C-alpha atoms as a PDB file:
ATOM      1  CA  MET A   1      -0.319  -0.171  -0.310  1.00  0.00           C
ATOM      2  CA  THR A   2       1.000   3.486  -1.087  1.00  0.00           C
ATOM      3  CA  VAL A   3       0.155   6.371   0.874  1.00  0.00           C
ATOM      4  CA  ALA A   4      -0.277   9.302  -1.679  1.00  0.00           C
ATOM      5  CA  SER A   5      -1.495  13.025  -0.959  1.00  0.00           C
ATOM      6  CA  ILE A   6      -2.434  16.018  -2.791  1.00  0.00           C
ATOM      7  CA  HIS A   7       0.752  18.121  -1.873  1.00  0.00           C
ATOM      8  CA  GLY A   8       2.751  14.949  -0.027  1.00  0.00           C
ATOM      9  CA  GLY A   9       4.205  15.469   3.133  1.00  0.00           C
ATOM     10  CA  LYS A  10       1.640  15.045   6.622  1.00  0.00           C
ATOM     11  CA  VAL A  11      -1.352  13.850   5.513  1.00  0.00           C
ATOM     12  CA  PRO A  12      -4.015  16.012   7.187  1.00  0.00           C
ATOM     13  CA  VAL A  13      -6.683  13.995   8.928  1.00  0.00           C
ATOM     14  CA  ASP A  14     -10.044  15.667   9.234  1.00  0.00           C
ATOM     15  CA  PRO A  15     -10.388  16.644  13.360  1.00  0.00           C
ATOM     16  CA  ARG A  16     -13.875  15.424  13.614  1.00  0.00           C
ATOM     17  CA  SER A  17     -12.596  12.206  12.829  1.00  0.00           C
ATOM     18  CA  THR A  18     -10.481  12.015  16.292  1.00  0.00           C
ATOM     19  CA  PRO A  19     -11.258  10.408  18.661  1.00  0.00           C
ATOM     20  CA  PRO A  20     -12.693   7.350  16.387  1.00  0.00           C
ATOM     21  CA  ALA A  21     -16.014   6.354  16.787  1.00  0.00           C
ATOM     22  CA  GLY A  22     -18.749   3.583  15.788  1.00  0.00           C
ATOM     23  CA  PRO A  23     -17.420   0.197  15.785  1.00  0.00           C
ATOM     24  CA  GLU A  24     -14.641   0.600  13.724  1.00  0.00           C
ATOM     25  CA  ALA A  25     -13.177   2.606  16.494  1.00  0.00           C
ATOM     26  CA  PRO A  26     -10.643  -0.016  17.946  1.00  0.00           C
ATOM     27  CA  VAL A  27      -9.505  -0.636  14.247  1.00  0.00           C
ATOM     28  CA  VAL A  28      -8.617   3.566  13.692  1.00  0.00           C
ATOM     29  CA  GLU A  29      -7.555   3.617  17.136  1.00  0.00           C
ATOM     30  CA  ARG A  30      -4.991   0.606  16.732  1.00  0.00           C
ATOM     31  CA  PHE A  31      -4.201   2.110  13.404  1.00  0.00           C
ATOM     32  CA  LEU A  32      -3.052   5.541  15.135  1.00  0.00           C
ATOM     33  CA  ALA A  33      -1.114   3.907  17.486  1.00  0.00           C
ATOM     34  CA  ASP A  34       0.785   2.432  14.863  1.00  0.00           C
ATOM     35  CA  PRO A  35       4.643   3.603  14.114  1.00  0.00           C
ATOM     36  CA  THR A  36       4.657   2.480  11.224  1.00  0.00           C
ATOM     37  CA  ALA A  37       1.271   4.045  10.371  1.00  0.00           C
ATOM     38  CA  ALA A  38       2.139   7.551  11.821  1.00  0.00           C
ATOM     39  CA  ARG A  39       5.548   7.445   9.556  1.00  0.00           C
ATOM     40  CA  THR A  40       3.707   6.677   6.286  1.00  0.00           C
ATOM     41  CA  LEU A  41       1.018   9.468   6.980  1.00  0.00           C
ATOM     42  CA  ALA A  42       3.737  12.099   7.758  1.00  0.00           C
ATOM     43  CA  HIS A  43       5.449  10.779   4.803  1.00  0.00           C
ATOM     44  CA  SER A  44       2.655  10.488   2.124  1.00  0.00           C
ATOM     45  CA  ILE A  45       4.246  10.904  -1.875  1.00  0.00           C
ATOM     46  CA  PRO A  46       3.003  13.593  -3.887  1.00  0.00           C
ATOM     47  CA  LEU A  47       0.161  12.965  -5.831  1.00  0.00           C
ATOM     48  CA  GLU A  48       1.752  14.231  -9.243  1.00  0.00           C
ATOM     49  CA  ALA A  49       4.845  11.627  -8.716  1.00  0.00           C
ATOM     50  CA  LEU A  50       1.636   9.000  -8.176  1.00  0.00           C
ATOM     51  CA  ASP A  51       1.452   6.423 -11.190  1.00  0.00           C
ATOM     52  CA  ALA A  52      -1.642   5.618 -10.645  1.00  0.00           C
ATOM     53  CA  THR A  53      -1.656   2.454 -13.254  1.00  0.00           C
ATOM     54  CA  ARG A  54       1.301   0.719 -11.301  1.00  0.00           C
ATOM     55  CA  PHE A  55      -1.175   0.082  -8.621  1.00  0.00           C
ATOM     56  CA  ASP A  56      -4.582  -2.541  -8.366  1.00  0.00           C
ATOM     57  CA  ALA A  57      -6.940   0.293  -7.146  1.00  0.00           C
ATOM     58  CA  LEU A  58      -6.627   3.902  -6.195  1.00  0.00           C
ATOM     59  CA  PHE A  59      -8.519   4.254  -2.554  1.00  0.00           C
ATOM     60  CA  LEU A  60     -10.120   8.006  -1.848  1.00  0.00           C
ATOM     61  CA  PRO A  61     -10.567   8.262   1.839  1.00  0.00           C
ATOM     62  CA  GLY A  62     -13.105  11.065   3.128  1.00  0.00           C
ATOM     63  CA  GLY A  63     -13.203  13.345   5.955  1.00  0.00           C
ATOM     64  CA  HIS A  64     -14.952  17.128   4.757  1.00  0.00           C
ATOM     65  CA  GLY A  65     -11.712  18.443   3.500  1.00  0.00           C
ATOM     66  CA  THR A  66     -11.772  16.823   0.859  1.00  0.00           C
ATOM     67  CA  MET A  67     -14.443  18.445  -0.752  1.00  0.00           C
ATOM     68  CA  PHE A  68     -12.122  21.418  -0.450  1.00  0.00           C
ATOM     69  CA  ASP A  69      -8.955  19.816  -1.801  1.00  0.00           C
ATOM     70  CA  PHE A  70     -10.163  17.003  -4.051  1.00  0.00           C
ATOM     71  CA  PRO A  71     -12.251  18.593  -6.446  1.00  0.00           C
ATOM     72  CA  VAL A  72     -10.196  20.978  -7.566  1.00  0.00           C
ATOM     73  CA  SER A  73      -6.998  19.282  -7.337  1.00  0.00           C
ATOM     74  CA  TYR A  74      -6.032  18.473 -11.180  1.00  0.00           C
ATOM     75  CA  ALA A  75      -3.510  15.806 -10.243  1.00  0.00           C
ATOM     76  CA  LEU A  76      -6.040  13.767  -8.568  1.00  0.00           C
ATOM     77  CA  ALA A  77      -8.060  13.927 -11.681  1.00  0.00           C
ATOM     78  CA  SER A  78      -5.435  12.926 -13.559  1.00  0.00           C
ATOM     79  CA  ALA A  79      -4.717   9.970 -11.119  1.00  0.00           C
ATOM     80  CA  VAL A  80      -8.541   8.813 -11.294  1.00  0.00           C
ATOM     81  CA  SER A  81      -8.410   9.392 -15.154  1.00  0.00           C
ATOM     82  CA  ARG A  82      -5.310   7.691 -15.222  1.00  0.00           C
ATOM     83  CA  ALA A  83      -6.259   4.385 -13.399  1.00  0.00           C
ATOM     84  CA  TRP A  84      -9.570   4.074 -14.696  1.00  0.00           C
ATOM     85  CA  GLN A  85      -8.617   4.513 -18.208  1.00  0.00           C
ATOM     86  CA  ALA A  86      -5.894   1.532 -17.317  1.00  0.00           C
ATOM     87  CA  GLY A  87      -8.603  -0.763 -15.965  1.00  0.00           C
ATOM     88  CA  ARG A  88      -7.813  -0.152 -12.452  1.00  0.00           C
ATOM     89  CA  VAL A  89     -10.068  -0.105  -9.567  1.00  0.00           C
ATOM     90  CA  VAL A  90     -11.234   3.160  -8.452  1.00  0.00           C
ATOM     91  CA  ALA A  91     -12.435   3.382  -5.017  1.00  0.00           C
ATOM     92  CA  ALA A  92     -14.247   5.667  -2.316  1.00  0.00           C
ATOM     93  CA  VAL A  93     -15.726   6.213   0.612  1.00  0.00           C
ATOM     94  CA  CYS A  94     -18.209   9.301   2.542  1.00  0.00           C
ATOM     95  CA  HIS A  95     -16.951  12.617   0.995  1.00  0.00           C
ATOM     96  CA  GLY A  96     -13.882  10.769  -1.084  1.00  0.00           C
ATOM     97  CA  PRO A  97     -16.398  10.713  -4.301  1.00  0.00           C
ATOM     98  CA  ALA A  98     -15.859  14.335  -4.469  1.00  0.00           C
ATOM     99  CA  GLY A  99     -12.245  13.584  -5.659  1.00  0.00           C
ATOM    100  CA  LEU A 100     -14.177  11.530  -8.773  1.00  0.00           C
ATOM    101  CA  VAL A 101     -15.861  14.270 -10.395  1.00  0.00           C
ATOM    102  CA  GLY A 102     -12.756  15.181 -12.586  1.00  0.00           C
ATOM    103  CA  GLY A 103     -12.011  11.732 -13.550  1.00  0.00           C
ATOM    104  CA  VAL A 104     -12.616  10.770 -17.184  1.00  0.00           C
ATOM    105  CA  ASP A 105     -13.220   7.645 -19.687  1.00  0.00           C
ATOM    106  CA  SER A 106     -11.047   7.090 -22.710  1.00  0.00           C
ATOM    107  CA  ASP A 107     -14.062   8.959 -24.445  1.00  0.00           C
ATOM    108  CA  GLY A 108     -13.596  12.194 -22.310  1.00  0.00           C
ATOM    109  CA  ARG A 109     -16.923  11.213 -20.325  1.00  0.00           C
ATOM    110  CA  PRO A 110     -17.028  11.740 -16.249  1.00  0.00           C
ATOM    111  CA  VAL A 111     -16.202   8.311 -15.241  1.00  0.00           C
ATOM    112  CA  LEU A 112     -19.374   8.459 -13.136  1.00  0.00           C
ATOM    113  CA  ALA A 113     -21.577   9.304 -15.614  1.00  0.00           C
ATOM    114  CA  GLY A 114     -24.263   6.217 -15.886  1.00  0.00           C
ATOM    115  CA  ARG A 115     -22.602   4.136 -12.729  1.00  0.00           C
ATOM    116  CA  ARG A 116     -24.195   3.439  -9.451  1.00  0.00           C
ATOM    117  CA  VAL A 117     -22.433   5.213  -6.592  1.00  0.00           C
ATOM    118  CA  SER A 118     -22.726   5.921  -3.050  1.00  0.00           C
ATOM    119  CA  ALA A 119     -21.073   9.198  -1.009  1.00  0.00           C
ATOM    120  CA  PHE A 120     -22.357  11.231   1.927  1.00  0.00           C
ATOM    121  CA  SER A 121     -25.694  11.992   1.591  1.00  0.00           C
ATOM    122  CA  ASN A 122     -27.980  15.349   1.386  1.00  0.00           C
ATOM    123  CA  ALA A 123     -29.648  13.995   4.390  1.00  0.00           C
ATOM    124  CA  GLU A 124     -26.606  13.354   6.335  1.00  0.00           C
ATOM    125  CA  GLU A 125     -25.144  16.358   5.490  1.00  0.00           C
ATOM    126  CA  GLU A 126     -28.056  18.736   6.954  1.00  0.00           C
ATOM    127  CA  ALA A 127     -27.829  16.513  10.121  1.00  0.00           C
ATOM    128  CA  VAL A 128     -24.535  17.389  10.624  1.00  0.00           C
ATOM    129  CA  GLY A 129     -25.123  20.516  10.306  1.00  0.00           C
ATOM    130  CA  LEU A 130     -22.738  21.575   7.355  1.00  0.00           C
ATOM    131  CA  THR A 131     -24.900  22.275   4.262  1.00  0.00           C
ATOM    132  CA  LYS A 132     -23.249  25.361   4.334  1.00  0.00           C
ATOM    133  CA  ALA A 133     -20.030  24.899   5.399  1.00  0.00           C
ATOM    134  CA  VAL A 134     -19.273  22.479   2.429  1.00  0.00           C
ATOM    135  CA  PRO A 135     -18.594  24.494  -1.528  1.00  0.00           C
ATOM    136  CA  PHE A 136     -21.554  21.863  -2.631  1.00  0.00           C
ATOM    137  CA  LEU A 137     -23.443  18.910  -1.475  1.00  0.00           C
ATOM    138  CA  LEU A 138     -21.751  15.993  -2.525  1.00  0.00           C
ATOM    139  CA  GLN A 139     -24.668  13.848  -3.987  1.00  0.00           C
ATOM    140  CA  ASN A 140     -26.390  16.845  -5.706  1.00  0.00           C
ATOM    141  CA  LYS A 141     -22.992  17.339  -7.328  1.00  0.00           C
ATOM    142  CA  LEU A 142     -22.315  13.225  -8.541  1.00  0.00           C
ATOM    143  CA  GLU A 143     -25.950  13.582  -9.922  1.00  0.00           C
ATOM    144  CA  SER A 144     -24.966  16.713 -11.886  1.00  0.00           C
ATOM    145  CA  LEU A 145     -22.280  14.081 -13.695  1.00  0.00           C
ATOM    146  CA  GLU A 146     -25.322  11.567 -14.413  1.00  0.00           C
ATOM    147  CA  ALA A 147     -24.095   9.346 -11.747  1.00  0.00           C
ATOM    148  CA  ARG A 148     -26.921   6.670 -10.225  1.00  0.00           C
ATOM    149  CA  VAL A 149     -26.668   8.018  -6.670  1.00  0.00           C
ATOM    150  CA  GLU A 150     -27.868   5.372  -4.243  1.00  0.00           C
ATOM    151  CA  THR A 151     -28.278   5.774  -0.427  1.00  0.00           C
ATOM    152  CA  GLY A 152     -28.750   3.526   2.602  1.00  0.00           C
ATOM    153  CA  PRO A 153     -30.317   4.661   5.574  1.00  0.00           C
ATOM    154  CA  SER A 154     -28.166   7.651   7.079  1.00  0.00           C
ATOM    155  CA  PHE A 155     -24.940   6.733   9.117  1.00  0.00           C
ATOM    156  CA  GLN A 156     -25.563   3.002   8.842  1.00  0.00           C
ATOM    157  CA  PRO A 157     -23.141   1.042   6.097  1.00  0.00           C
ATOM    158  CA  PHE A 158     -23.930   1.164   2.678  1.00  0.00           C
ATOM    159  CA  ALA A 159     -21.414   0.625  -0.542  1.00  0.00           C
ATOM    160  CA  ILE A 160     -22.025  -0.565  -3.962  1.00  0.00           C
ATOM    161  CA  ALA A 161     -19.609  -1.432  -6.448  1.00  0.00           C
ATOM    162  CA  ASP A 162     -20.555  -1.199 -10.280  1.00  0.00           C
ATOM    163  CA  GLY A 163     -17.827  -3.177 -11.855  1.00  0.00           C
ATOM    164  CA  ARG A 164     -14.471  -1.447 -11.545  1.00  0.00           C
ATOM    165  CA  LEU A 165     -15.935   1.287  -9.503  1.00  0.00           C
ATOM    166  CA  VAL A 166     -16.762   1.440  -5.996  1.00  0.00           C
ATOM    167  CA  THR A 167     -18.188   3.792  -3.308  1.00  0.00           C
ATOM    168  CA  GLY A 168     -19.530   4.089   0.130  1.00  0.00           C
ATOM    169  CA  GLN A 169     -21.915   6.419   1.836  1.00  0.00           C
ATOM    170  CA  ASN A 170     -19.908   7.217   5.397  1.00  0.00           C
ATOM    171  CA  PRO A 171     -17.715   6.584   7.746  1.00  0.00           C
ATOM    172  CA  ALA A 172     -19.749   3.440   8.941  1.00  0.00           C
ATOM    173  CA  SER A 173     -19.382   2.412   5.316  1.00  0.00           C
ATOM    174  CA  ALA A 174     -15.352   1.999   5.537  1.00  0.00           C
ATOM    175  CA  ARG A 175     -14.983  -1.348   6.178  1.00  0.00           C
ATOM    176  CA  LYS A 176     -17.619  -2.494   3.801  1.00  0.00           C
ATOM    177  CA  THR A 177     -16.146  -0.612   0.878  1.00  0.00           C
ATOM    178  CA  ALA A 178     -12.377  -2.019   1.635  1.00  0.00           C
ATOM    179  CA  ASP A 179     -14.037  -5.327   1.040  1.00  0.00           C
ATOM    180  CA  LEU A 180     -15.870  -4.759  -1.960  1.00  0.00           C
ATOM    181  CA  THR A 181     -12.720  -3.074  -3.318  1.00  0.00           C
ATOM    182  CA  LEU A 182     -10.517  -6.345  -2.633  1.00  0.00           C
ATOM    183  CA  GLU A 183     -13.433  -8.176  -4.532  1.00  0.00           C
ATOM    184  CA  ALA A 184     -13.298  -5.834  -7.420  1.00  0.00           C
ATOM    185  CA  ILE A 185      -9.588  -6.464  -7.659  1.00  0.00           C
ATOM    186  CA  ALA A 186      -9.668  -9.813  -7.108  1.00  0.00           C
ATOM    187  CA  SER A 187     -12.344  -9.816 -10.374  1.00  0.00           C
ATOM    188  CA  ALA A 188      -9.835  -7.428 -11.998  1.00  0.00           C
ATOM    189  CA  ARG A 189      -6.774 -10.008 -11.920  1.00  0.00           C
ATOM    190  CA  GLU A 190      -9.139 -12.789 -12.881  1.00  0.00           C
ATOM    191  CA  ARG A 191     -10.118 -10.666 -15.842  1.00  0.00           C
ATOM    192  CA  ASP A 192      -6.785 -10.089 -16.519  1.00  0.00           C
ATOM    193  CA  ARG A 193      -5.617 -13.716 -16.334  1.00  0.00           C
ATOM    194  CA  CYS A 194      -8.765 -14.766 -19.206  1.00  0.00           C
END
């Protein structure tokens, strides 16, 4: 696994993510206490230096900060586009799908167009009181790109795979999104062997 960030160096962690809560809290706490993980997060690779086609999957995490950084990053849009066009798995969870909005397929159409996706819903954004704090509502933006947005109950695990595109709705969906990503990688490898 390689950790990259838009500018490289220390990965900014959404302050609302700590302390961890919910059923995955022990896993998150274990990760945060791991010295190797801490070094990895402190010394990420700049996205511009990353060849996304060399990896089985590109996975975009969430957090409200991604709503500001991801959609305006040319390097991220390029990485998503190159990974997708090379037949790689592209995955995102919570607000991470904000990083998919600039991705295009080999025909120049949005990667999301016509595909089933999930992301932090308008209802969840309203429930946390941040509809006016974010630059746009993610669900609306995805729909404007002709994505077929699907959501489950607010703050409950919900993730879907549409072929090589894997997305999860909220923080509670991280494990399910990761599991579906691994399944999509296995399917892509099997397809490549045939």
